[in-house]
Amino acid sequence: DKLGHAVYVPGGPAYEQVVAAFGAEIVNE
């Protein structure tokens, strides 16, 4: 569960791929 959260954090291994796939609207300020 903790790894599942860590994978999304800025700089995390899946961060850029997720944002590219689902759009900038999923990113907080």
mmCIF file of all heavy atoms, coordinates in Angstrom:
data_MODEL
# 
_entry.id   MODEL 
# 
loop_
_atom_site.group_PDB 
_atom_site.id 
_atom_site.type_symbol 
_atom_site.label_atom_id 
_atom_site.label_alt_id 
_atom_site.label_comp_id 
_atom_site.label_asym_id 
_atom_site.label_entity_id 
_atom_site.label_seq_id 
_atom_site.pdbx_PDB_ins_code 
_atom_site.Cartn_x 
_atom_site.Cartn_y 
_atom_site.Cartn_z 
_atom_site.occupancy 
_atom_site.B_iso_or_equiv 
_atom_site.pdbx_formal_charge 
_atom_site.auth_seq_id 
_atom_site.auth_comp_id 
_atom_site.auth_asym_id 
_atom_site.auth_atom_id 
_atom_site.pdbx_PDB_model_num 
ATOM 1   N N   . ASP A 1 1  ? 0.836  -1.208 0.000   1.00 0.00 ? 1  ASP A N   1 
ATOM 2   C CA  . ASP A 1 1  ? 0.000  0.000  0.000   1.00 0.00 ? 1  ASP A CA  1 
ATOM 3   C C   . ASP A 1 1  ? 0.870  1.256  0.000   1.00 0.00 ? 1  ASP A C   1 
ATOM 4   O O   . ASP A 1 1  ? 0.607  2.220  -0.726  1.00 0.00 ? 1  ASP A O   1 
ATOM 5   C CB  . ASP A 1 1  ? -0.923 0.022  1.225   1.00 0.00 ? 1  ASP A CB  1 
ATOM 6   C CG  . ASP A 1 1  ? -2.084 -0.960 1.083   1.00 0.00 ? 1  ASP A CG  1 
ATOM 7   O OD1 . ASP A 1 1  ? -2.389 -1.339 -0.059  1.00 0.00 ? 1  ASP A OD1 1 
ATOM 8   O OD2 . ASP A 1 1  ? -2.684 -1.324 2.112   1.00 0.00 ? 1  ASP A OD2 1 
ATOM 9   N N   . LYS A 1 2  ? 1.923  1.229  0.831   1.00 0.00 ? 2  LYS A N   1 
ATOM 10  C CA  . LYS A 1 2  ? 2.825  2.383  0.895   1.00 0.00 ? 2  LYS A CA  1 
ATOM 11  C C   . LYS A 1 2  ? 3.564  2.570  -0.430  1.00 0.00 ? 2  LYS A C   1 
ATOM 12  O O   . LYS A 1 2  ? 3.758  3.695  -0.895  1.00 0.00 ? 2  LYS A O   1 
ATOM 13  C CB  . LYS A 1 2  ? 3.817  2.216  2.042   1.00 0.00 ? 2  LYS A CB  1 
ATOM 14  C CG  . LYS A 1 2  ? 3.174  2.358  3.420   1.00 0.00 ? 2  LYS A CG  1 
ATOM 15  C CD  . LYS A 1 2  ? 4.200  2.182  4.528   1.00 0.00 ? 2  LYS A CD  1 
ATOM 16  C CE  . LYS A 1 2  ? 3.549  2.320  5.904   1.00 0.00 ? 2  LYS A CE  1 
ATOM 17  N NZ  . LYS A 1 2  ? 4.493  2.056  6.998   1.00 0.00 ? 2  LYS A NZ  1 
ATOM 18  N N   . LEU A 1 3  ? 3.960  1.454  -1.046  1.00 0.00 ? 3  LEU A N   1 
ATOM 19  C CA  . LEU A 1 3  ? 4.632  1.548  -2.346  1.00 0.00 ? 3  LEU A CA  1 
ATOM 20  C C   . LEU A 1 3  ? 3.674  2.098  -3.396  1.00 0.00 ? 3  LEU A C   1 
ATOM 21  O O   . LEU A 1 3  ? 4.075  2.846  -4.287  1.00 0.00 ? 3  LEU A O   1 
ATOM 22  C CB  . LEU A 1 3  ? 5.142  0.168  -2.777  1.00 0.00 ? 3  LEU A CB  1 
ATOM 23  C CG  . LEU A 1 3  ? 6.223  -0.474 -1.910  1.00 0.00 ? 3  LEU A CG  1 
ATOM 24  C CD1 . LEU A 1 3  ? 6.693  -1.782 -2.532  1.00 0.00 ? 3  LEU A CD1 1 
ATOM 25  C CD2 . LEU A 1 3  ? 7.412  0.470  -1.737  1.00 0.00 ? 3  LEU A CD2 1 
ATOM 26  N N   . GLY A 1 4  ? 2.389  1.711  -3.269  1.00 0.00 ? 4  GLY A N   1 
ATOM 27  C CA  . GLY A 1 4  ? 1.382  2.214  -4.204  1.00 0.00 ? 4  GLY A CA  1 
ATOM 28  C C   . GLY A 1 4  ? 1.253  3.717  -4.148  1.00 0.00 ? 4  GLY A C   1 
ATOM 29  O O   . GLY A 1 4  ? 0.993  4.365  -5.165  1.00 0.00 ? 4  GLY A O   1 
ATOM 30  N N   . HIS A 1 5  ? 1.447  4.290  -2.959  1.00 0.00 ? 5  HIS A N   1 
ATOM 31  C CA  . HIS A 1 5  ? 1.422  5.756  -2.829  1.00 0.00 ? 5  HIS A CA  1 
ATOM 32  C C   . HIS A 1 5  ? 2.734  6.352  -3.326  1.00 0.00 ? 5  HIS A C   1 
ATOM 33  O O   . HIS A 1 5  ? 2.743  7.377  -4.009  1.00 0.00 ? 5  HIS A O   1 
ATOM 34  C CB  . HIS A 1 5  ? 1.184  6.155  -1.367  1.00 0.00 ? 5  HIS A CB  1 
ATOM 35  C CG  . HIS A 1 5  ? -0.211 5.920  -0.895  1.00 0.00 ? 5  HIS A CG  1 
ATOM 36  N ND1 . HIS A 1 5  ? -1.245 6.809  -1.142  1.00 0.00 ? 5  HIS A ND1 1 
ATOM 37  C CD2 . HIS A 1 5  ? -0.764 4.892  -0.218  1.00 0.00 ? 5  HIS A CD2 1 
ATOM 38  C CE1 . HIS A 1 5  ? -2.359 6.340  -0.624  1.00 0.00 ? 5  HIS A CE1 1 
ATOM 39  N NE2 . HIS A 1 5  ? -2.103 5.173  -0.055  1.00 0.00 ? 5  HIS A NE2 1 
ATOM 40  N N   . ALA A 1 6  ? 3.857  5.685  -2.992  1.00 0.00 ? 6  ALA A N   1 
ATOM 41  C CA  . ALA A 1 6  ? 5.173  6.220  -3.349  1.00 0.00 ? 6  ALA A CA  1 
ATOM 42  C C   . ALA A 1 6  ? 5.381  6.276  -4.854  1.00 0.00 ? 6  ALA A C   1 
ATOM 43  O O   . ALA A 1 6  ? 6.092  7.152  -5.365  1.00 0.00 ? 6  ALA A O   1 
ATOM 44  C CB  . ALA A 1 6  ? 6.261  5.370  -2.698  1.00 0.00 ? 6  ALA A CB  1 
ATOM 45  N N   . VAL A 1 7  ? 4.750  5.349  -5.575  1.00 0.00 ? 7  VAL A N   1 
ATOM 46  C CA  . VAL A 1 7  ? 4.970  5.267  -7.015  1.00 0.00 ? 7  VAL A CA  1 
ATOM 47  C C   . VAL A 1 7  ? 4.406  6.495  -7.748  1.00 0.00 ? 7  VAL A C   1 
ATOM 48  O O   . VAL A 1 7  ? 4.843  6.838  -8.838  1.00 0.00 ? 7  VAL A O   1 
ATOM 49  C CB  . VAL A 1 7  ? 4.362  3.944  -7.548  1.00 0.00 ? 7  VAL A CB  1 
ATOM 50  C CG1 . VAL A 1 7  ? 2.869  4.052  -7.773  1.00 0.00 ? 7  VAL A CG1 1 
ATOM 51  C CG2 . VAL A 1 7  ? 5.046  3.484  -8.813  1.00 0.00 ? 7  VAL A CG2 1 
ATOM 52  N N   . TYR A 1 8  ? 3.429  7.196  -7.103  1.00 0.00 ? 8  TYR A N   1 
ATOM 53  C CA  . TYR A 1 8  ? 2.759  8.350  -7.730  1.00 0.00 ? 8  TYR A CA  1 
ATOM 54  C C   . TYR A 1 8  ? 3.415  9.697  -7.403  1.00 0.00 ? 8  TYR A C   1 
ATOM 55  O O   . TYR A 1 8  ? 3.091  10.701 -8.042  1.00 0.00 ? 8  TYR A O   1 
ATOM 56  C CB  . TYR A 1 8  ? 1.319  8.448  -7.241  1.00 0.00 ? 8  TYR A CB  1 
ATOM 57  C CG  . TYR A 1 8  ? 0.370  7.409  -7.786  1.00 0.00 ? 8  TYR A CG  1 
ATOM 58  C CD1 . TYR A 1 8  ? 0.019  6.304  -7.024  1.00 0.00 ? 8  TYR A CD1 1 
ATOM 59  C CD2 . TYR A 1 8  ? -0.218 7.545  -9.040  1.00 0.00 ? 8  TYR A CD2 1 
ATOM 60  C CE1 . TYR A 1 8  ? -0.871 5.363  -7.502  1.00 0.00 ? 8  TYR A CE1 1 
ATOM 61  C CE2 . TYR A 1 8  ? -1.113 6.607  -9.519  1.00 0.00 ? 8  TYR A CE2 1 
ATOM 62  C CZ  . TYR A 1 8  ? -1.440 5.517  -8.746  1.00 0.00 ? 8  TYR A CZ  1 
ATOM 63  O OH  . TYR A 1 8  ? -2.320 4.584  -9.220  1.00 0.00 ? 8  TYR A OH  1 
ATOM 64  N N   . VAL A 1 9  ? 4.266  9.751  -6.374  1.00 0.00 ? 9  VAL A N   1 
ATOM 65  C CA  . VAL A 1 9  ? 4.763  11.053 -5.924  1.00 0.00 ? 9  VAL A CA  1 
ATOM 66  C C   . VAL A 1 9  ? 5.623  11.699 -7.007  1.00 0.00 ? 9  VAL A C   1 
ATOM 67  O O   . VAL A 1 9  ? 6.210  10.995 -7.848  1.00 0.00 ? 9  VAL A O   1 
ATOM 68  C CB  . VAL A 1 9  ? 5.583  10.920 -4.610  1.00 0.00 ? 9  VAL A CB  1 
ATOM 69  C CG1 . VAL A 1 9  ? 4.727  10.374 -3.501  1.00 0.00 ? 9  VAL A CG1 1 
ATOM 70  C CG2 . VAL A 1 9  ? 6.821  10.074 -4.826  1.00 0.00 ? 9  VAL A CG2 1 
ATOM 71  N N   . PRO A 1 10 ? 5.692  13.040 -7.036  1.00 0.00 ? 10 PRO A N   1 
ATOM 72  C CA  . PRO A 1 10 ? 6.549  13.704 -8.024  1.00 0.00 ? 10 PRO A CA  1 
ATOM 73  C C   . PRO A 1 10 ? 7.969  13.147 -7.965  1.00 0.00 ? 10 PRO A C   1 
ATOM 74  O O   . PRO A 1 10 ? 8.561  13.042 -6.888  1.00 0.00 ? 10 PRO A O   1 
ATOM 75  C CB  . PRO A 1 10 ? 6.504  15.172 -7.592  1.00 0.00 ? 10 PRO A CB  1 
ATOM 76  C CG  . PRO A 1 10 ? 5.180  15.308 -6.900  1.00 0.00 ? 10 PRO A CG  1 
ATOM 77  C CD  . PRO A 1 10 ? 4.966  14.003 -6.196  1.00 0.00 ? 10 PRO A CD  1 
ATOM 78  N N   . GLY A 1 11 ? 8.487  12.759 -9.098  1.00 0.00 ? 11 GLY A N   1 
ATOM 79  C CA  . GLY A 1 11 ? 9.799  12.140 -9.148  1.00 0.00 ? 11 GLY A CA  1 
ATOM 80  C C   . GLY A 1 11 ? 9.738  10.635 -8.987  1.00 0.00 ? 11 GLY A C   1 
ATOM 81  O O   . GLY A 1 11 ? 10.742 9.952  -9.167  1.00 0.00 ? 11 GLY A O   1 
ATOM 82  N N   . GLY A 1 12 ? 8.561  10.118 -8.628  1.00 0.00 ? 12 GLY A N   1 
ATOM 83  C CA  . GLY A 1 12 ? 8.386  8.675  -8.483  1.00 0.00 ? 12 GLY A CA  1 
ATOM 84  C C   . GLY A 1 12 ? 8.418  7.996  -9.842  1.00 0.00 ? 12 GLY A C   1 
ATOM 85  O O   . GLY A 1 12 ? 8.232  8.644  -10.884 1.00 0.00 ? 12 GLY A O   1 
ATOM 86  N N   . PRO A 1 13 ? 8.620  6.685  -9.874  1.00 0.00 ? 13 PRO A N   1 
ATOM 87  C CA  . PRO A 1 13 ? 8.838  5.988  -11.143 1.00 0.00 ? 13 PRO A CA  1 
ATOM 88  C C   . PRO A 1 13 ? 7.655  6.018  -12.113 1.00 0.00 ? 13 PRO A C   1 
ATOM 89  O O   . PRO A 1 13 ? 7.859  5.871  -13.316 1.00 0.00 ? 13 PRO A O   1 
ATOM 90  C CB  . PRO A 1 13 ? 9.154  4.552  -10.702 1.00 0.00 ? 13 PRO A CB  1 
ATOM 91  C CG  . PRO A 1 13 ? 8.626  4.426  -9.319  1.00 0.00 ? 13 PRO A CG  1 
ATOM 92  C CD  . PRO A 1 13 ? 8.743  5.777  -8.708  1.00 0.00 ? 13 PRO A CD  1 
ATOM 93  N N   . ALA A 1 14 ? 6.432  6.206  -11.592 1.00 0.00 ? 14 ALA A N   1 
ATOM 94  C CA  . ALA A 1 14 ? 5.277  6.189  -12.503 1.00 0.00 ? 14 ALA A CA  1 
ATOM 95  C C   . ALA A 1 14 ? 4.663  7.569  -12.698 1.00 0.00 ? 14 ALA A C   1 
ATOM 96  O O   . ALA A 1 14 ? 3.711  7.719  -13.474 1.00 0.00 ? 14 ALA A O   1 
ATOM 97  C CB  . ALA A 1 14 ? 4.206  5.226  -11.973 1.00 0.00 ? 14 ALA A CB  1 
ATOM 98  N N   . TYR A 1 15 ? 5.200  8.583  -12.013 1.00 0.00 ? 15 TYR A N   1 
ATOM 99  C CA  . TYR A 1 15 ? 4.571  9.903  -11.996 1.00 0.00 ? 15 TYR A CA  1 
ATOM 100 C C   . TYR A 1 15 ? 4.367  10.469 -13.407 1.00 0.00 ? 15 TYR A C   1 
ATOM 101 O O   . TYR A 1 15 ? 3.248  10.806 -13.805 1.00 0.00 ? 15 TYR A O   1 
ATOM 102 C CB  . TYR A 1 15 ? 5.408  10.859 -11.147 1.00 0.00 ? 15 TYR A CB  1 
ATOM 103 C CG  . TYR A 1 15 ? 4.869  12.273 -11.095 1.00 0.00 ? 15 TYR A CG  1 
ATOM 104 C CD1 . TYR A 1 15 ? 3.867  12.608 -10.200 1.00 0.00 ? 15 TYR A CD1 1 
ATOM 105 C CD2 . TYR A 1 15 ? 5.374  13.273 -11.949 1.00 0.00 ? 15 TYR A CD2 1 
ATOM 106 C CE1 . TYR A 1 15 ? 3.372  13.909 -10.142 1.00 0.00 ? 15 TYR A CE1 1 
ATOM 107 C CE2 . TYR A 1 15 ? 4.889  14.566 -11.902 1.00 0.00 ? 15 TYR A CE2 1 
ATOM 108 C CZ  . TYR A 1 15 ? 3.891  14.875 -11.000 1.00 0.00 ? 15 TYR A CZ  1 
ATOM 109 O OH  . TYR A 1 15 ? 3.388  16.157 -10.958 1.00 0.00 ? 15 TYR A OH  1 
ATOM 110 N N   . GLU A 1 16 ? 5.449  10.586 -14.163 1.00 0.00 ? 16 GLU A N   1 
ATOM 111 C CA  . GLU A 1 16 ? 5.355  11.239 -15.476 1.00 0.00 ? 16 GLU A CA  1 
ATOM 112 C C   . GLU A 1 16 ? 4.476  10.442 -16.443 1.00 0.00 ? 16 GLU A C   1 
ATOM 113 O O   . GLU A 1 16 ? 3.696  11.014 -17.212 1.00 0.00 ? 16 GLU A O   1 
ATOM 114 C CB  . GLU A 1 16 ? 6.754  11.436 -16.059 1.00 0.00 ? 16 GLU A CB  1 
ATOM 115 C CG  . GLU A 1 16 ? 7.570  12.478 -15.299 1.00 0.00 ? 16 GLU A CG  1 
ATOM 116 C CD  . GLU A 1 16 ? 8.911  12.753 -15.975 1.00 0.00 ? 16 GLU A CD  1 
ATOM 117 O OE1 . GLU A 1 16 ? 9.137  12.222 -17.080 1.00 0.00 ? 16 GLU A OE1 1 
ATOM 118 O OE2 . GLU A 1 16 ? 9.717  13.510 -15.380 1.00 0.00 ? 16 GLU A OE2 1 
ATOM 119 N N   . GLN A 1 17 ? 4.570  9.107  -16.391 1.00 0.00 ? 17 GLN A N   1 
ATOM 120 C CA  . GLN A 1 17 ? 3.751  8.280  -17.283 1.00 0.00 ? 17 GLN A CA  1 
ATOM 121 C C   . GLN A 1 17 ? 2.262  8.453  -16.979 1.00 0.00 ? 17 GLN A C   1 
ATOM 122 O O   . GLN A 1 17 ? 1.441  8.530  -17.890 1.00 0.00 ? 17 GLN A O   1 
ATOM 123 C CB  . GLN A 1 17 ? 4.128  6.803  -17.107 1.00 0.00 ? 17 GLN A CB  1 
ATOM 124 C CG  . GLN A 1 17 ? 5.525  6.433  -17.569 1.00 0.00 ? 17 GLN A CG  1 
ATOM 125 C CD  . GLN A 1 17 ? 5.784  4.954  -17.348 1.00 0.00 ? 17 GLN A CD  1 
ATOM 126 O OE1 . GLN A 1 17 ? 5.215  4.111  -18.035 1.00 0.00 ? 17 GLN A OE1 1 
ATOM 127 N NE2 . GLN A 1 17 ? 6.627  4.643  -16.371 1.00 0.00 ? 17 GLN A NE2 1 
ATOM 128 N N   . VAL A 1 18 ? 1.915  8.537  -15.671 1.00 0.00 ? 18 VAL A N   1 
ATOM 129 C CA  . VAL A 1 18 ? 0.504  8.665  -15.285 1.00 0.00 ? 18 VAL A CA  1 
ATOM 130 C C   . VAL A 1 18 ? -0.040 10.028 -15.722 1.00 0.00 ? 18 VAL A C   1 
ATOM 131 O O   . VAL A 1 18 ? -1.139 10.136 -16.276 1.00 0.00 ? 18 VAL A O   1 
ATOM 132 C CB  . VAL A 1 18 ? 0.340  8.457  -13.760 1.00 0.00 ? 18 VAL A CB  1 
ATOM 133 C CG1 . VAL A 1 18 ? -1.082 8.804  -13.315 1.00 0.00 ? 18 VAL A CG1 1 
ATOM 134 C CG2 . VAL A 1 18 ? 0.659  7.011  -13.383 1.00 0.00 ? 18 VAL A CG2 1 
ATOM 135 N N   . VAL A 1 19 ? 0.746  11.073 -15.492 1.00 0.00 ? 19 VAL A N   1 
ATOM 136 C CA  . VAL A 1 19 ? 0.299  12.420 -15.892 1.00 0.00 ? 19 VAL A CA  1 
ATOM 137 C C   . VAL A 1 19 ? 0.153  12.492 -17.410 1.00 0.00 ? 19 VAL A C   1 
ATOM 138 O O   . VAL A 1 19 ? -0.821 13.049 -17.933 1.00 0.00 ? 19 VAL A O   1 
ATOM 139 C CB  . VAL A 1 19 ? 1.299  13.486 -15.388 1.00 0.00 ? 19 VAL A CB  1 
ATOM 140 C CG1 . VAL A 1 19 ? 0.932  14.862 -15.949 1.00 0.00 ? 19 VAL A CG1 1 
ATOM 141 C CG2 . VAL A 1 19 ? 1.312  13.522 -13.856 1.00 0.00 ? 19 VAL A CG2 1 
ATOM 142 N N   . ALA A 1 20 ? 1.097  11.916 -18.149 1.00 0.00 ? 20 ALA A N   1 
ATOM 143 C CA  . ALA A 1 20 ? 1.027  11.928 -19.615 1.00 0.00 ? 20 ALA A CA  1 
ATOM 144 C C   . ALA A 1 20 ? -0.193 11.170 -20.114 1.00 0.00 ? 20 ALA A C   1 
ATOM 145 O O   . ALA A 1 20 ? -0.842 11.566 -21.092 1.00 0.00 ? 20 ALA A O   1 
ATOM 146 C CB  . ALA A 1 20 ? 2.306  11.319 -20.197 1.00 0.00 ? 20 ALA A CB  1 
ATOM 147 N N   . ALA A 1 21 ? -0.557 10.084 -19.425 1.00 0.00 ? 21 ALA A N   1 
ATOM 148 C CA  . ALA A 1 21 ? -1.671 9.248  -19.876 1.00 0.00 ? 21 ALA A CA  1 
ATOM 149 C C   . ALA A 1 21 ? -3.019 9.831  -19.504 1.00 0.00 ? 21 ALA A C   1 
ATOM 150 O O   . ALA A 1 21 ? -3.997 9.666  -20.245 1.00 0.00 ? 21 ALA A O   1 
ATOM 151 C CB  . ALA A 1 21 ? -1.528 7.837  -19.293 1.00 0.00 ? 21 ALA A CB  1 
ATOM 152 N N   . PHE A 1 22 ? -3.106 10.556 -18.368 1.00 0.00 ? 22 PHE A N   1 
ATOM 153 C CA  . PHE A 1 22 ? -4.428 10.970 -17.865 1.00 0.00 ? 22 PHE A CA  1 
ATOM 154 C C   . PHE A 1 22 ? -4.620 12.481 -17.789 1.00 0.00 ? 22 PHE A C   1 
ATOM 155 O O   . PHE A 1 22 ? -5.681 12.947 -17.390 1.00 0.00 ? 22 PHE A O   1 
ATOM 156 C CB  . PHE A 1 22 ? -4.687 10.324 -16.499 1.00 0.00 ? 22 PHE A CB  1 
ATOM 157 C CG  . PHE A 1 22 ? -4.796 8.828  -16.583 1.00 0.00 ? 22 PHE A CG  1 
ATOM 158 C CD1 . PHE A 1 22 ? -3.695 8.018  -16.319 1.00 0.00 ? 22 PHE A CD1 1 
ATOM 159 C CD2 . PHE A 1 22 ? -5.978 8.218  -16.962 1.00 0.00 ? 22 PHE A CD2 1 
ATOM 160 C CE1 . PHE A 1 22 ? -3.772 6.646  -16.427 1.00 0.00 ? 22 PHE A CE1 1 
ATOM 161 C CE2 . PHE A 1 22 ? -6.075 6.838  -17.065 1.00 0.00 ? 22 PHE A CE2 1 
ATOM 162 C CZ  . PHE A 1 22 ? -4.968 6.048  -16.808 1.00 0.00 ? 22 PHE A CZ  1 
ATOM 163 N N   . GLY A 1 23 ? -3.612 13.246 -18.195 1.00 0.00 ? 23 GLY A N   1 
ATOM 164 C CA  . GLY A 1 23 ? -3.815 14.683 -18.346 1.00 0.00 ? 23 GLY A CA  1 
ATOM 165 C C   . GLY A 1 23 ? -3.406 15.512 -17.150 1.00 0.00 ? 23 GLY A C   1 
ATOM 166 O O   . GLY A 1 23 ? -3.355 15.018 -16.017 1.00 0.00 ? 23 GLY A O   1 
ATOM 167 N N   . ALA A 1 24 ? -3.116 16.801 -17.416 1.00 0.00 ? 24 ALA A N   1 
ATOM 168 C CA  . ALA A 1 24 ? -2.633 17.715 -16.381 1.00 0.00 ? 24 ALA A CA  1 
ATOM 169 C C   . ALA A 1 24 ? -3.690 18.008 -15.323 1.00 0.00 ? 24 ALA A C   1 
ATOM 170 O O   . ALA A 1 24 ? -3.367 18.469 -14.217 1.00 0.00 ? 24 ALA A O   1 
ATOM 171 C CB  . ALA A 1 24 ? -2.169 19.028 -17.024 1.00 0.00 ? 24 ALA A CB  1 
ATOM 172 N N   . GLU A 1 25 ? -4.982 17.733 -15.652 1.00 0.00 ? 25 GLU A N   1 
ATOM 173 C CA  . GLU A 1 25 ? -6.052 18.046 -14.689 1.00 0.00 ? 25 GLU A CA  1 
ATOM 174 C C   . GLU A 1 25 ? -6.002 17.163 -13.444 1.00 0.00 ? 25 GLU A C   1 
ATOM 175 O O   . GLU A 1 25 ? -6.677 17.447 -12.443 1.00 0.00 ? 25 GLU A O   1 
ATOM 176 C CB  . GLU A 1 25 ? -7.434 17.936 -15.351 1.00 0.00 ? 25 GLU A CB  1 
ATOM 177 C CG  . GLU A 1 25 ? -7.812 16.554 -15.862 1.00 0.00 ? 25 GLU A CG  1 
ATOM 178 C CD  . GLU A 1 25 ? -7.407 16.337 -17.317 1.00 0.00 ? 25 GLU A CD  1 
ATOM 179 O OE1 . GLU A 1 25 ? -6.460 17.000 -17.785 1.00 0.00 ? 25 GLU A OE1 1 
ATOM 180 O OE2 . GLU A 1 25 ? -8.065 15.515 -17.972 1.00 0.00 ? 25 GLU A OE2 1 
ATOM 181 N N   . ILE A 1 26 ? -5.203 16.081 -13.461 1.00 0.00 ? 26 ILE A N   1 
ATOM 182 C CA  . ILE A 1 26 ? -5.104 15.233 -12.266 1.00 0.00 ? 26 ILE A CA  1 
ATOM 183 C C   . ILE A 1 26 ? -4.022 15.734 -11.317 1.00 0.00 ? 26 ILE A C   1 
ATOM 184 O O   . ILE A 1 26 ? -3.830 15.157 -10.242 1.00 0.00 ? 26 ILE A O   1 
ATOM 185 C CB  . ILE A 1 26 ? -4.804 13.754 -12.637 1.00 0.00 ? 26 ILE A CB  1 
ATOM 186 C CG1 . ILE A 1 26 ? -3.394 13.603 -13.224 1.00 0.00 ? 26 ILE A CG1 1 
ATOM 187 C CG2 . ILE A 1 26 ? -5.854 13.194 -13.583 1.00 0.00 ? 26 ILE A CG2 1 
ATOM 188 C CD1 . ILE A 1 26 ? -2.937 12.151 -13.343 1.00 0.00 ? 26 ILE A CD1 1 
ATOM 189 N N   . VAL A 1 27 ? -3.309 16.832 -11.706 1.00 0.00 ? 27 VAL A N   1 
ATOM 190 C CA  . VAL A 1 27 ? -2.184 17.336 -10.901 1.00 0.00 ? 27 VAL A CA  1 
ATOM 191 C C   . VAL A 1 27 ? -2.647 18.496 -10.027 1.00 0.00 ? 27 VAL A C   1 
ATOM 192 O O   . VAL A 1 27 ? -3.286 19.438 -10.499 1.00 0.00 ? 27 VAL A O   1 
ATOM 193 C CB  . VAL A 1 27 ? -1.021 17.787 -11.809 1.00 0.00 ? 27 VAL A CB  1 
ATOM 194 C CG1 . VAL A 1 27 ? 0.136  18.314 -10.961 1.00 0.00 ? 27 VAL A CG1 1 
ATOM 195 C CG2 . VAL A 1 27 ? -0.560 16.643 -12.697 1.00 0.00 ? 27 VAL A CG2 1 
ATOM 196 N N   . ASN A 1 28 ? -2.341 18.434 -8.723  1.00 0.00 ? 28 ASN A N   1 
ATOM 197 C CA  . ASN A 1 28 ? -2.632 19.527 -7.795  1.00 0.00 ? 28 ASN A CA  1 
ATOM 198 C C   . ASN A 1 28 ? -1.663 20.687 -8.020  1.00 0.00 ? 28 ASN A C   1 
ATOM 199 O O   . ASN A 1 28 ? -0.663 20.551 -8.743  1.00 0.00 ? 28 ASN A O   1 
ATOM 200 C CB  . ASN A 1 28 ? -2.489 19.041 -6.340  1.00 0.00 ? 28 ASN A CB  1 
ATOM 201 C CG  . ASN A 1 28 ? -3.564 18.033 -5.966  1.00 0.00 ? 28 ASN A CG  1 
ATOM 202 O OD1 . ASN A 1 28 ? -4.735 18.200 -6.293  1.00 0.00 ? 28 ASN A OD1 1 
ATOM 203 N ND2 . ASN A 1 28 ? -3.157 16.974 -5.258  1.00 0.00 ? 28 ASN A ND2 1 
ATOM 204 N N   . GLU A 1 29 ? -1.959 21.821 -7.380  1.00 0.00 ? 29 GLU A N   1 
ATOM 205 C CA  . GLU A 1 29 ? -1.107 22.998 -7.519  1.00 0.00 ? 29 GLU A CA  1 
ATOM 206 C C   . GLU A 1 29 ? 0.307  22.737 -7.026  1.00 0.00 ? 29 GLU A C   1 
ATOM 207 O O   . GLU A 1 29 ? 1.265  23.319 -7.535  1.00 0.00 ? 29 GLU A O   1 
ATOM 208 C CB  . GLU A 1 29 ? -1.711 24.186 -6.750  1.00 0.00 ? 29 GLU A CB  1 
ATOM 209 C CG  . GLU A 1 29 ? -2.972 24.737 -7.395  1.00 0.00 ? 29 GLU A CG  1 
ATOM 210 C CD  . GLU A 1 29 ? -3.500 25.954 -6.651  1.00 0.00 ? 29 GLU A CD  1 
ATOM 211 O OE1 . GLU A 1 29 ? -2.824 26.410 -5.694  1.00 0.00 ? 29 GLU A OE1 1 
ATOM 212 O OE2 . GLU A 1 29 ? -4.587 26.440 -7.021  1.00 0.00 ? 29 GLU A OE2 1 
# 
